[in-house]
Each structure stands twice: as C-alpha cells, then as structure tokens.
Amino acid sequence: MMLSLTARAAAARRLAGTQFLGRPMAAIVTLNGANMASHGHGDVSQAADLSKPMYCDRVDTPLPDRAYREELTAADKSLKEKEKGHWNQLTKEEKIALYRLTFRQTYPEMKQPNAEWKTVMGGFFIFLGLTGLVVWWQSVYVYPPRPRTFDSEWQAKQIQRMLDMKVNPVEGFSANWDYEKGQWK
C-alpha cells in the first residue's frame, strides 16, 4: 500500500512539472489510497458505475438493461443449462426460478399499491400549512389595516349619499330606488 502511494506521489510530481505550449501545467491528482488509509478501516464503499447497464423494475419499461441477478450459484447455472432444452420438461417452480433470475418483480407485484401517497399527501399538507402561516403572518405584520371604506357602516352611508344625490336616475343606481316609499323597487 505504501509503495503505491509513493508511486502516485512521484507521478504527481512528474506531472506537475509538465509544460503545455511553453507554459507550466498544473496536475490534479487525488490520492484516494491516502484518504482511505487515514481512516483506518478496511471497508471501502464502491461508487456506482453509471456507464454500465443498470437494472430497474418499471411498468413502462418491460425489459431492463441487464438481468436482475448476474452472479449465479451452481444451482442457478444448472437451471440456466436446463433452460436451453425444451421448456415442457421444466416444472412450474423452475420456470418461476428462471423468471426470478432475470426479473425481481412481476407486473402484478409492480402494480400493487404502496404507501407513497401518504408521503405525497403529508408533504402537500405541510406545504399548505406553511403557506397558510406565511399568509397569516403577512396579514398581521406586513399589510396595512383595511381601509374604512370596507366597513358596512361606511358603505351604507355611501349608498344613502348616492341616493340623496340621485346619481344616474334614468338607468343607473338611483333608478331602482322608490323615493316616495323609501325602499328598493
């Protein structure tokens, strides 16, 4: 391990002195081995290689990029050899086992309802509640008080004033008021 770290460090020093078009070129070298060695653990997590085919069960994608199980046991390998023969010689359990080597779930299993709707609805109601709190906070602390013209007393006085002035008496507001009886027509 130590030898590979020193070899990497030497390679980094050589690359750092490299020139490109007469200008010095800096090299970026990561010493993953040094980082892993400093943790003191033998367990190393592998990053997913997204350039390789991946397996996923989806209703809209009937054939995944690769089989569900790639590492086969001896029994699985013998079953795969038996698969090459006539399928009438296979039992129902063997056919199901062959299916499970390629696919993790069947269509009915994929279509079964799950509890995801609870998470979605919970998130929706949390968002709705937070929005309500923001609106309440704004109405209390941000917006000015309501104008006095929205009060019912003010509106009643304004209507009476318009009737007294006989605003638009032919086809408008005052045309619907009976001045003799003092009520709406």
N, C-alpha and C. Protein backbone atom coordinates (compact mmCIF):
# COMPACT_ATOMS: atom_id res chain seq x y z
N MET A 1 0.82 -1.18 0.00
CA MET A 1 0.00 0.00 0.00
C MET A 1 0.87 1.25 0.00
N MET A 2 1.89 1.24 0.83
CA MET A 2 2.74 2.41 0.93
C MET A 2 3.50 2.64 -0.37
N LEU A 3 3.86 1.53 -1.03
CA LEU A 3 4.59 1.64 -2.29
C LEU A 3 3.73 2.32 -3.35
N SER A 4 2.42 1.94 -3.41
CA SER A 4 1.56 2.56 -4.42
C SER A 4 1.34 4.04 -4.12
N LEU A 5 1.30 4.42 -2.85
CA LEU A 5 1.14 5.83 -2.50
C LEU A 5 2.35 6.64 -2.93
N THR A 6 3.55 6.09 -2.70
CA THR A 6 4.76 6.83 -3.10
C THR A 6 4.86 6.88 -4.61
N ALA A 7 4.41 5.83 -5.29
CA ALA A 7 4.44 5.84 -6.75
C ALA A 7 3.48 6.91 -7.29
N ARG A 8 2.32 7.03 -6.66
CA ARG A 8 1.37 8.06 -7.08
C ARG A 8 1.93 9.46 -6.83
N ALA A 9 2.57 9.63 -5.69
CA ALA A 9 3.14 10.93 -5.37
C ALA A 9 4.25 11.28 -6.36
N ALA A 10 5.06 10.29 -6.74
CA ALA A 10 6.13 10.55 -7.71
C ALA A 10 5.53 10.91 -9.07
N ALA A 11 4.45 10.21 -9.45
CA ALA A 11 3.80 10.52 -10.72
C ALA A 11 3.20 11.92 -10.69
N ALA A 12 2.67 12.31 -9.54
CA ALA A 12 2.10 13.65 -9.41
C ALA A 12 3.20 14.71 -9.55
N ARG A 13 4.38 14.45 -8.97
CA ARG A 13 5.48 15.41 -9.08
C ARG A 13 5.95 15.54 -10.52
N ARG A 14 5.99 14.41 -11.24
CA ARG A 14 6.41 14.46 -12.64
C ARG A 14 5.40 15.24 -13.47
N LEU A 15 4.08 15.00 -13.21
CA LEU A 15 3.05 15.71 -13.98
C LEU A 15 3.03 17.19 -13.66
N ALA A 16 3.37 17.56 -12.44
CA ALA A 16 3.35 18.97 -12.06
C ALA A 16 4.38 19.77 -12.83
N GLY A 17 5.46 19.13 -13.24
CA GLY A 17 6.49 19.82 -13.99
C GLY A 17 6.23 19.83 -15.49
N THR A 18 5.13 19.24 -15.94
CA THR A 18 4.82 19.16 -17.36
C THR A 18 4.49 20.55 -17.90
N GLN A 19 4.88 20.76 -19.15
CA GLN A 19 4.58 22.05 -19.78
C GLN A 19 3.72 21.80 -21.00
N PHE A 20 2.85 22.77 -21.26
CA PHE A 20 1.97 22.71 -22.41
C PHE A 20 2.08 24.04 -23.13
N LEU A 21 2.54 24.02 -24.37
CA LEU A 21 2.75 25.22 -25.18
C LEU A 21 3.64 26.23 -24.46
N GLY A 22 4.67 25.73 -23.82
CA GLY A 22 5.64 26.60 -23.17
C GLY A 22 5.20 27.13 -21.82
N ARG A 23 4.01 26.73 -21.36
CA ARG A 23 3.53 27.20 -20.06
C ARG A 23 3.49 26.02 -19.09
N PRO A 24 3.81 26.23 -17.83
CA PRO A 24 3.70 25.14 -16.88
C PRO A 24 2.24 24.74 -16.69
N MET A 25 2.00 23.45 -16.57
CA MET A 25 0.65 22.94 -16.44
C MET A 25 0.51 22.27 -15.08
N ALA A 26 -0.49 22.66 -14.33
CA ALA A 26 -0.71 22.07 -13.02
C ALA A 26 -1.48 20.76 -13.20
N ALA A 27 -1.11 19.78 -12.42
CA ALA A 27 -1.78 18.49 -12.48
C ALA A 27 -2.60 18.30 -11.22
N ILE A 28 -3.79 17.77 -11.40
CA ILE A 28 -4.64 17.49 -10.26
C ILE A 28 -4.64 15.98 -10.07
N VAL A 29 -4.13 15.55 -8.95
CA VAL A 29 -4.04 14.13 -8.67
C VAL A 29 -4.69 13.90 -7.31
N THR A 30 -5.61 12.98 -7.27
CA THR A 30 -6.22 12.65 -5.99
C THR A 30 -5.58 11.39 -5.46
N LEU A 31 -5.26 11.40 -4.23
CA LEU A 31 -4.65 10.25 -3.60
C LEU A 31 -5.70 9.56 -2.76
N ASN A 32 -6.57 8.81 -3.43
CA ASN A 32 -7.65 8.12 -2.72
C ASN A 32 -7.10 7.10 -1.75
N GLY A 33 -6.02 6.49 -2.10
CA GLY A 33 -5.42 5.49 -1.22
C GLY A 33 -4.99 6.13 0.10
N ALA A 34 -4.44 7.34 0.03
CA ALA A 34 -4.02 8.03 1.24
C ALA A 34 -5.24 8.39 2.09
N ASN A 35 -6.29 8.82 1.45
CA ASN A 35 -7.50 9.16 2.20
C ASN A 35 -8.08 7.93 2.87
N MET A 36 -8.09 6.81 2.15
CA MET A 36 -8.64 5.59 2.73
C MET A 36 -7.75 5.06 3.84
N ALA A 37 -6.46 5.17 3.66
CA ALA A 37 -5.54 4.65 4.67
C ALA A 37 -5.64 5.46 5.95
N SER A 38 -5.95 6.74 5.83
CA SER A 38 -6.01 7.57 7.03
C SER A 38 -7.23 7.25 7.88
N HIS A 39 -8.27 6.67 7.29
CA HIS A 39 -9.46 6.33 8.08
C HIS A 39 -9.23 5.11 8.95
N GLY A 40 -8.34 4.24 8.55
CA GLY A 40 -8.03 3.08 9.36
C GLY A 40 -9.04 1.96 9.20
N HIS A 41 -9.95 2.05 8.26
CA HIS A 41 -10.94 1.00 8.05
C HIS A 41 -10.58 0.23 6.79
N GLY A 42 -10.85 -1.04 6.82
CA GLY A 42 -10.61 -1.87 5.64
C GLY A 42 -11.78 -1.82 4.68
N ASP A 43 -12.96 -1.35 5.15
CA ASP A 43 -14.15 -1.30 4.31
C ASP A 43 -14.09 -0.09 3.39
N VAL A 44 -14.27 -0.34 2.12
CA VAL A 44 -14.27 0.74 1.14
C VAL A 44 -15.58 0.65 0.37
N SER A 45 -16.30 1.75 0.33
CA SER A 45 -17.55 1.75 -0.44
C SER A 45 -17.22 2.06 -1.90
N GLN A 46 -17.86 1.33 -2.77
CA GLN A 46 -17.62 1.50 -4.20
C GLN A 46 -18.65 2.46 -4.76
N ALA A 47 -18.21 3.34 -5.62
CA ALA A 47 -19.12 4.26 -6.30
C ALA A 47 -19.80 3.51 -7.43
N ALA A 48 -21.05 3.85 -7.69
CA ALA A 48 -21.80 3.19 -8.75
C ALA A 48 -21.25 3.62 -10.10
N ASP A 49 -21.02 2.65 -10.96
CA ASP A 49 -20.55 2.95 -12.31
C ASP A 49 -21.77 3.11 -13.20
N LEU A 50 -22.12 4.35 -13.50
CA LEU A 50 -23.33 4.62 -14.25
C LEU A 50 -23.16 4.41 -15.76
N SER A 51 -21.97 4.05 -16.18
CA SER A 51 -21.78 3.77 -17.60
C SER A 51 -22.19 2.33 -17.93
N LYS A 52 -22.35 1.49 -16.93
CA LYS A 52 -22.76 0.10 -17.15
C LYS A 52 -24.28 0.00 -17.12
N PRO A 53 -24.82 -1.02 -17.79
CA PRO A 53 -26.28 -1.19 -17.75
C PRO A 53 -26.77 -1.41 -16.33
N MET A 54 -27.93 -0.84 -16.02
CA MET A 54 -28.49 -0.95 -14.67
C MET A 54 -29.81 -1.69 -14.73
N TYR A 55 -30.19 -2.28 -13.59
CA TYR A 55 -31.45 -2.98 -13.50
C TYR A 55 -32.46 -2.11 -12.78
N CYS A 56 -33.67 -2.03 -13.32
CA CYS A 56 -34.77 -1.38 -12.61
C CYS A 56 -36.08 -1.98 -13.09
N ASP A 57 -36.98 -2.21 -12.14
CA ASP A 57 -38.32 -2.71 -12.45
C ASP A 57 -39.24 -1.53 -12.68
N ARG A 58 -39.75 -1.41 -13.88
CA ARG A 58 -40.70 -0.35 -14.19
C ARG A 58 -41.77 -0.91 -15.10
N VAL A 59 -43.00 -0.48 -14.90
CA VAL A 59 -44.10 -0.96 -15.71
C VAL A 59 -43.97 -0.47 -17.14
N ASP A 60 -43.48 0.77 -17.32
CA ASP A 60 -43.37 1.33 -18.68
C ASP A 60 -42.13 0.86 -19.42
N THR A 61 -41.21 0.17 -18.75
CA THR A 61 -40.02 -0.38 -19.40
C THR A 61 -40.02 -1.88 -19.17
N PRO A 62 -40.54 -2.67 -20.12
CA PRO A 62 -40.71 -4.10 -19.86
C PRO A 62 -39.40 -4.88 -19.77
N LEU A 63 -38.36 -4.44 -20.46
CA LEU A 63 -37.10 -5.19 -20.44
C LEU A 63 -35.99 -4.31 -19.88
N PRO A 64 -35.49 -4.64 -18.68
CA PRO A 64 -34.39 -3.84 -18.12
C PRO A 64 -33.10 -4.05 -18.91
N ASP A 65 -32.12 -3.19 -18.66
CA ASP A 65 -30.86 -3.25 -19.40
C ASP A 65 -30.06 -4.51 -19.11
N ARG A 66 -30.20 -5.05 -17.93
CA ARG A 66 -29.46 -6.27 -17.58
C ARG A 66 -30.35 -7.15 -16.71
N ALA A 67 -29.92 -8.38 -16.50
CA ALA A 67 -30.68 -9.31 -15.67
C ALA A 67 -30.60 -8.90 -14.21
N TYR A 68 -31.59 -9.32 -13.43
CA TYR A 68 -31.64 -8.94 -12.02
C TYR A 68 -30.46 -9.54 -11.26
N ARG A 69 -30.20 -10.81 -11.47
CA ARG A 69 -29.08 -11.46 -10.78
C ARG A 69 -28.02 -11.83 -11.80
N GLU A 70 -26.84 -11.26 -11.64
CA GLU A 70 -25.74 -11.58 -12.55
C GLU A 70 -24.82 -12.64 -11.98
N GLU A 71 -24.64 -12.66 -10.65
CA GLU A 71 -23.81 -13.69 -10.02
C GLU A 71 -24.69 -14.91 -9.76
N LEU A 72 -24.43 -15.97 -10.48
CA LEU A 72 -25.26 -17.16 -10.39
C LEU A 72 -24.57 -18.22 -9.52
N THR A 73 -25.38 -18.90 -8.73
CA THR A 73 -24.87 -20.03 -7.94
C THR A 73 -24.80 -21.25 -8.84
N ALA A 74 -24.29 -22.35 -8.30
CA ALA A 74 -24.18 -23.58 -9.08
C ALA A 74 -25.57 -24.08 -9.48
N ALA A 75 -26.54 -23.97 -8.56
CA ALA A 75 -27.91 -24.40 -8.88
C ALA A 75 -28.51 -23.52 -9.97
N ASP A 76 -28.22 -22.22 -9.92
CA ASP A 76 -28.73 -21.31 -10.94
C ASP A 76 -28.11 -21.61 -12.30
N LYS A 77 -26.83 -21.94 -12.31
CA LYS A 77 -26.17 -22.26 -13.58
C LYS A 77 -26.73 -23.54 -14.17
N SER A 78 -26.99 -24.55 -13.34
CA SER A 78 -27.57 -25.79 -13.87
C SER A 78 -28.98 -25.54 -14.39
N LEU A 79 -29.71 -24.66 -13.72
CA LEU A 79 -31.05 -24.31 -14.18
C LEU A 79 -30.97 -23.56 -15.52
N LYS A 80 -29.98 -22.68 -15.69
CA LYS A 80 -29.80 -21.98 -16.97
C LYS A 80 -29.46 -22.95 -18.09
N GLU A 81 -28.69 -24.00 -17.77
CA GLU A 81 -28.39 -25.03 -18.79
C GLU A 81 -29.65 -25.80 -19.15
N LYS A 82 -30.47 -26.08 -18.13
CA LYS A 82 -31.72 -26.80 -18.37
C LYS A 82 -32.69 -25.95 -19.20
N GLU A 83 -32.55 -24.64 -19.09
CA GLU A 83 -33.40 -23.70 -19.82
C GLU A 83 -33.20 -23.83 -21.32
N LYS A 84 -32.00 -24.19 -21.72
CA LYS A 84 -31.69 -24.29 -23.15
C LYS A 84 -32.43 -25.45 -23.81
N GLY A 85 -32.90 -26.39 -23.01
CA GLY A 85 -33.65 -27.52 -23.55
C GLY A 85 -35.11 -27.17 -23.78
N HIS A 86 -35.96 -28.20 -23.86
CA HIS A 86 -37.38 -27.99 -24.11
C HIS A 86 -38.04 -27.51 -22.82
N TRP A 87 -38.87 -26.47 -22.93
CA TRP A 87 -39.47 -25.85 -21.76
C TRP A 87 -40.58 -26.70 -21.15
N ASN A 88 -41.09 -27.68 -21.89
CA ASN A 88 -42.11 -28.57 -21.32
C ASN A 88 -41.50 -29.49 -20.26
N GLN A 89 -40.19 -29.66 -20.28
CA GLN A 89 -39.53 -30.51 -19.30
C GLN A 89 -39.28 -29.77 -17.98
N LEU A 90 -39.47 -28.45 -17.97
CA LEU A 90 -39.27 -27.66 -16.75
C LEU A 90 -40.54 -27.67 -15.90
N THR A 91 -40.35 -27.73 -14.61
CA THR A 91 -41.51 -27.64 -13.71
C THR A 91 -41.90 -26.18 -13.55
N LYS A 92 -43.07 -25.97 -12.93
CA LYS A 92 -43.55 -24.61 -12.71
C LYS A 92 -42.59 -23.85 -11.80
N GLU A 93 -42.06 -24.50 -10.76
CA GLU A 93 -41.13 -23.85 -9.84
C GLU A 93 -39.84 -23.47 -10.54
N GLU A 94 -39.38 -24.31 -11.46
CA GLU A 94 -38.16 -24.00 -12.20
C GLU A 94 -38.37 -22.80 -13.13
N LYS A 95 -39.55 -22.74 -13.75
CA LYS A 95 -39.85 -21.60 -14.61
C LYS A 95 -39.90 -20.31 -13.80
N ILE A 96 -40.50 -20.39 -12.61
CA ILE A 96 -40.55 -19.20 -11.75
C ILE A 96 -39.14 -18.82 -11.30
N ALA A 97 -38.32 -19.80 -10.97
CA ALA A 97 -36.94 -19.52 -10.56
C ALA A 97 -36.16 -18.87 -11.71
N LEU A 98 -36.38 -19.35 -12.94
CA LEU A 98 -35.72 -18.73 -14.10
C LEU A 98 -36.20 -17.30 -14.28
N TYR A 99 -37.49 -17.05 -14.09
CA TYR A 99 -38.02 -15.69 -14.20
C TYR A 99 -37.37 -14.78 -13.16
N ARG A 100 -37.22 -15.30 -11.94
CA ARG A 100 -36.66 -14.50 -10.85
C ARG A 100 -35.16 -14.25 -11.04
N LEU A 101 -34.50 -15.03 -11.88
CA LEU A 101 -33.10 -14.72 -12.20
C LEU A 101 -33.01 -13.48 -13.08
N THR A 102 -34.01 -13.27 -13.92
CA THR A 102 -33.99 -12.15 -14.85
C THR A 102 -34.73 -10.93 -14.31
N PHE A 103 -35.83 -11.16 -13.61
CA PHE A 103 -36.66 -10.06 -13.11
C PHE A 103 -36.85 -10.19 -11.61
N ARG A 104 -36.89 -9.05 -10.93
CA ARG A 104 -37.10 -9.07 -9.48
C ARG A 104 -38.59 -9.14 -9.15
N GLN A 105 -39.43 -8.45 -9.93
CA GLN A 105 -40.87 -8.40 -9.66
C GLN A 105 -41.66 -8.73 -10.93
N THR A 106 -42.87 -9.24 -10.72
CA THR A 106 -43.79 -9.44 -11.83
C THR A 106 -44.60 -8.17 -12.00
N TYR A 107 -45.36 -8.08 -13.10
CA TYR A 107 -46.18 -6.88 -13.31
C TYR A 107 -47.22 -6.70 -12.21
N PRO A 108 -47.94 -7.75 -11.78
CA PRO A 108 -48.88 -7.52 -10.67
C PRO A 108 -48.19 -7.05 -9.40
N GLU A 109 -46.98 -7.53 -9.14
CA GLU A 109 -46.25 -7.06 -7.96
C GLU A 109 -45.85 -5.59 -8.10
N MET A 110 -45.47 -5.19 -9.32
CA MET A 110 -45.10 -3.79 -9.54
C MET A 110 -46.31 -2.87 -9.43
N LYS A 111 -47.49 -3.37 -9.84
CA LYS A 111 -48.69 -2.54 -9.86
C LYS A 111 -49.40 -2.48 -8.51
N GLN A 112 -48.95 -3.27 -7.55
CA GLN A 112 -49.60 -3.22 -6.24
C GLN A 112 -49.44 -1.85 -5.61
N PRO A 113 -50.49 -1.36 -4.98
CA PRO A 113 -50.38 -0.03 -4.38
C PRO A 113 -49.39 -0.03 -3.22
N ASN A 114 -48.73 1.09 -3.08
CA ASN A 114 -47.80 1.25 -1.96
C ASN A 114 -48.24 2.46 -1.14
N ALA A 115 -47.49 2.78 -0.13
CA ALA A 115 -47.87 3.86 0.78
C ALA A 115 -47.25 5.20 0.38
N GLU A 116 -46.81 5.33 -0.87
CA GLU A 116 -46.19 6.57 -1.31
C GLU A 116 -47.17 7.74 -1.28
N TRP A 117 -48.45 7.45 -1.48
CA TRP A 117 -49.45 8.52 -1.47
C TRP A 117 -49.49 9.22 -0.12
N LYS A 118 -49.20 8.48 0.94
CA LYS A 118 -49.21 9.10 2.28
C LYS A 118 -48.10 10.14 2.39
N THR A 119 -46.94 9.83 1.85
CA THR A 119 -45.84 10.78 1.87
C THR A 119 -46.17 12.02 1.04
N VAL A 120 -46.75 11.79 -0.13
CA VAL A 120 -47.10 12.91 -1.00
C VAL A 120 -48.15 13.80 -0.34
N MET A 121 -49.18 13.19 0.23
CA MET A 121 -50.23 13.98 0.87
C MET A 121 -49.70 14.68 2.12
N GLY A 122 -48.83 14.01 2.88
CA GLY A 122 -48.23 14.65 4.04
C GLY A 122 -47.41 15.87 3.65
N GLY A 123 -46.61 15.73 2.61
CA GLY A 123 -45.83 16.86 2.11
C GLY A 123 -46.72 17.98 1.61
N PHE A 124 -47.81 17.62 0.94
CA PHE A 124 -48.75 18.63 0.45
C PHE A 124 -49.36 19.41 1.60
N PHE A 125 -49.81 18.71 2.64
CA PHE A 125 -50.45 19.39 3.77
C PHE A 125 -49.45 20.21 4.58
N ILE A 126 -48.22 19.74 4.69
CA ILE A 126 -47.18 20.54 5.36
C ILE A 126 -46.95 21.83 4.58
N PHE A 127 -46.83 21.72 3.26
CA PHE A 127 -46.65 22.89 2.41
C PHE A 127 -47.84 23.83 2.53
N LEU A 128 -49.05 23.27 2.53
CA LEU A 128 -50.25 24.09 2.65
C LEU A 128 -50.29 24.81 4.00
N GLY A 129 -49.91 24.11 5.06
CA GLY A 129 -49.89 24.72 6.38
C GLY A 129 -48.87 25.83 6.49
N LEU A 130 -47.67 25.59 5.95
CA LEU A 130 -46.65 26.63 5.97
C LEU A 130 -47.07 27.85 5.15
N THR A 131 -47.72 27.60 4.02
CA THR A 131 -48.22 28.70 3.20
C THR A 131 -49.27 29.50 3.96
N GLY A 132 -50.16 28.79 4.67
CA GLY A 132 -51.16 29.48 5.47
C GLY A 132 -50.53 30.32 6.57
N LEU A 133 -49.47 29.80 7.19
CA LEU A 133 -48.78 30.58 8.22
C LEU A 133 -48.14 31.83 7.63
N VAL A 134 -47.58 31.72 6.45
CA VAL A 134 -46.96 32.88 5.80
C VAL A 134 -48.03 33.93 5.47
N VAL A 135 -49.16 33.47 4.95
CA VAL A 135 -50.23 34.41 4.60
C VAL A 135 -50.76 35.09 5.87
N TRP A 136 -50.96 34.32 6.95
CA TRP A 136 -51.42 34.91 8.21
C TRP A 136 -50.40 35.93 8.73
N TRP A 137 -49.12 35.57 8.70
CA TRP A 137 -48.08 36.47 9.18
C TRP A 137 -48.08 37.77 8.38
N GLN A 138 -48.23 37.64 7.05
CA GLN A 138 -48.26 38.83 6.22
C GLN A 138 -49.47 39.69 6.51
N SER A 139 -50.62 39.07 6.76
CA SER A 139 -51.82 39.87 7.04
C SER A 139 -51.71 40.59 8.37
N VAL A 140 -50.97 40.02 9.32
CA VAL A 140 -50.83 40.66 10.63
C VAL A 140 -49.73 41.71 10.62
N TYR A 141 -48.57 41.38 10.07
CA TYR A 141 -47.40 42.23 10.22
C TYR A 141 -46.99 43.02 8.97
N VAL A 142 -47.42 42.61 7.80
CA VAL A 142 -46.93 43.25 6.57
C VAL A 142 -47.96 44.20 5.98
N TYR A 143 -49.19 43.73 5.80
CA TYR A 143 -50.19 44.54 5.13
C TYR A 143 -50.72 45.63 6.05
N PRO A 144 -51.08 46.79 5.50
CA PRO A 144 -51.67 47.86 6.33
C PRO A 144 -53.09 47.46 6.73
N PRO A 145 -53.65 48.16 7.72
CA PRO A 145 -55.03 47.84 8.11
C PRO A 145 -56.00 48.12 6.96
N ARG A 146 -57.16 47.47 7.03
CA ARG A 146 -58.16 47.65 5.97
C ARG A 146 -58.66 49.09 5.96
N PRO A 147 -58.90 49.63 4.79
CA PRO A 147 -59.43 51.00 4.73
C PRO A 147 -60.84 51.06 5.32
N ARG A 148 -61.24 52.24 5.79
CA ARG A 148 -62.54 52.39 6.42
C ARG A 148 -63.67 52.26 5.41
N THR A 149 -63.34 52.35 4.13
CA THR A 149 -64.38 52.25 3.10
C THR A 149 -64.91 50.82 2.97
N PHE A 150 -64.24 49.84 3.56
CA PHE A 150 -64.73 48.46 3.52
C PHE A 150 -65.71 48.16 4.65
N ASP A 151 -65.85 49.04 5.60
CA ASP A 151 -66.79 48.82 6.70
C ASP A 151 -68.22 48.90 6.18
N SER A 152 -69.10 48.09 6.76
CA SER A 152 -70.50 48.08 6.30
C SER A 152 -71.21 49.39 6.63
N GLU A 153 -70.84 50.03 7.74
CA GLU A 153 -71.45 51.32 8.07
C GLU A 153 -71.09 52.37 7.02
N TRP A 154 -69.85 52.40 6.62
CA TRP A 154 -69.40 53.37 5.61
C TRP A 154 -70.12 53.12 4.29
N GLN A 155 -70.25 51.86 3.90
CA GLN A 155 -70.90 51.53 2.64
C GLN A 155 -72.38 51.92 2.68
N ALA A 156 -73.03 51.70 3.83
CA ALA A 156 -74.44 52.10 3.94
C ALA A 156 -74.59 53.61 3.82
N LYS A 157 -73.69 54.36 4.45
CA LYS A 157 -73.73 55.83 4.35
C LYS A 157 -73.46 56.28 2.91
N GLN A 158 -72.56 55.59 2.21
CA GLN A 158 -72.22 55.94 0.83
C GLN A 158 -73.42 55.69 -0.09
N ILE A 159 -74.11 54.59 0.14
CA ILE A 159 -75.30 54.29 -0.67
C ILE A 159 -76.37 55.35 -0.44
N GLN A 160 -76.57 55.69 0.83
CA GLN A 160 -77.57 56.72 1.14
C GLN A 160 -77.19 58.06 0.51
N ARG A 161 -75.94 58.39 0.53
CA ARG A 161 -75.45 59.64 -0.08
C ARG A 161 -75.72 59.64 -1.58
N MET A 162 -75.46 58.48 -2.24
CA MET A 162 -75.70 58.39 -3.68
C MET A 162 -77.18 58.52 -4.00
N LEU A 163 -78.03 57.93 -3.15
CA LEU A 163 -79.47 58.05 -3.37
C LEU A 163 -79.94 59.48 -3.16
N ASP A 164 -79.38 60.15 -2.14
CA ASP A 164 -79.75 61.54 -1.90
C ASP A 164 -79.33 62.44 -3.05
N MET A 165 -78.22 62.14 -3.68
CA MET A 165 -77.74 62.94 -4.81
C MET A 165 -78.43 62.54 -6.11
N LYS A 166 -79.22 61.46 -6.08
CA LYS A 166 -79.92 60.94 -7.26
C LYS A 166 -78.93 60.68 -8.40
N VAL A 167 -77.94 59.85 -8.11
CA VAL A 167 -76.90 59.51 -9.08
C VAL A 167 -77.51 58.63 -10.16
N ASN A 168 -77.42 59.07 -11.44
CA ASN A 168 -77.88 58.34 -12.61
C ASN A 168 -79.31 57.83 -12.43
N PRO A 169 -80.29 58.72 -12.35
CA PRO A 169 -81.66 58.33 -12.02
C PRO A 169 -82.41 57.63 -13.16
N VAL A 170 -81.92 57.63 -14.39
CA VAL A 170 -82.67 57.07 -15.51
C VAL A 170 -82.44 55.56 -15.61
N GLU A 171 -81.19 55.11 -15.74
CA GLU A 171 -80.92 53.70 -15.92
C GLU A 171 -79.97 53.15 -14.87
N GLY A 172 -79.47 53.94 -13.99
CA GLY A 172 -78.42 53.50 -13.08
C GLY A 172 -78.91 53.13 -11.70
N PHE A 173 -78.08 53.50 -10.76
CA PHE A 173 -78.25 53.12 -9.37
C PHE A 173 -79.55 53.67 -8.78
N SER A 174 -79.81 54.93 -8.97
CA SER A 174 -80.99 55.58 -8.37
C SER A 174 -82.28 55.20 -9.07
N ALA A 175 -82.21 54.62 -10.25
CA ALA A 175 -83.42 54.23 -10.97
C ALA A 175 -84.13 53.09 -10.26
N ASN A 176 -83.44 52.30 -9.43
CA ASN A 176 -84.03 51.16 -8.73
C ASN A 176 -84.56 51.54 -7.34
N TRP A 177 -84.50 52.79 -6.99
CA TRP A 177 -84.94 53.25 -5.66
C TRP A 177 -86.27 53.99 -5.80
N ASP A 178 -87.22 53.62 -4.97
CA ASP A 178 -88.51 54.29 -4.95
C ASP A 178 -88.41 55.40 -3.90
N TYR A 179 -88.37 56.66 -4.36
CA TYR A 179 -88.17 57.80 -3.47
C TYR A 179 -89.42 58.10 -2.63
N GLU A 180 -90.61 57.74 -3.12
CA GLU A 180 -91.82 58.01 -2.38
C GLU A 180 -91.99 57.08 -1.20
N LYS A 181 -91.68 55.74 -1.43
CA LYS A 181 -91.83 54.76 -0.37
C LYS A 181 -90.55 54.61 0.47
N GLY A 182 -89.41 55.08 -0.07
CA GLY A 182 -88.15 54.98 0.65
C GLY A 182 -87.61 53.55 0.72
N GLN A 183 -87.80 52.81 -0.39
CA GLN A 183 -87.28 51.43 -0.45
C GLN A 183 -86.91 51.07 -1.87
N TRP A 184 -86.25 49.94 -2.01
CA TRP A 184 -85.85 49.47 -3.35
C TRP A 184 -87.05 48.97 -4.10
N LYS A 185 -87.07 49.22 -5.41
CA LYS A 185 -88.17 48.76 -6.26
C LYS A 185 -88.12 47.27 -6.47
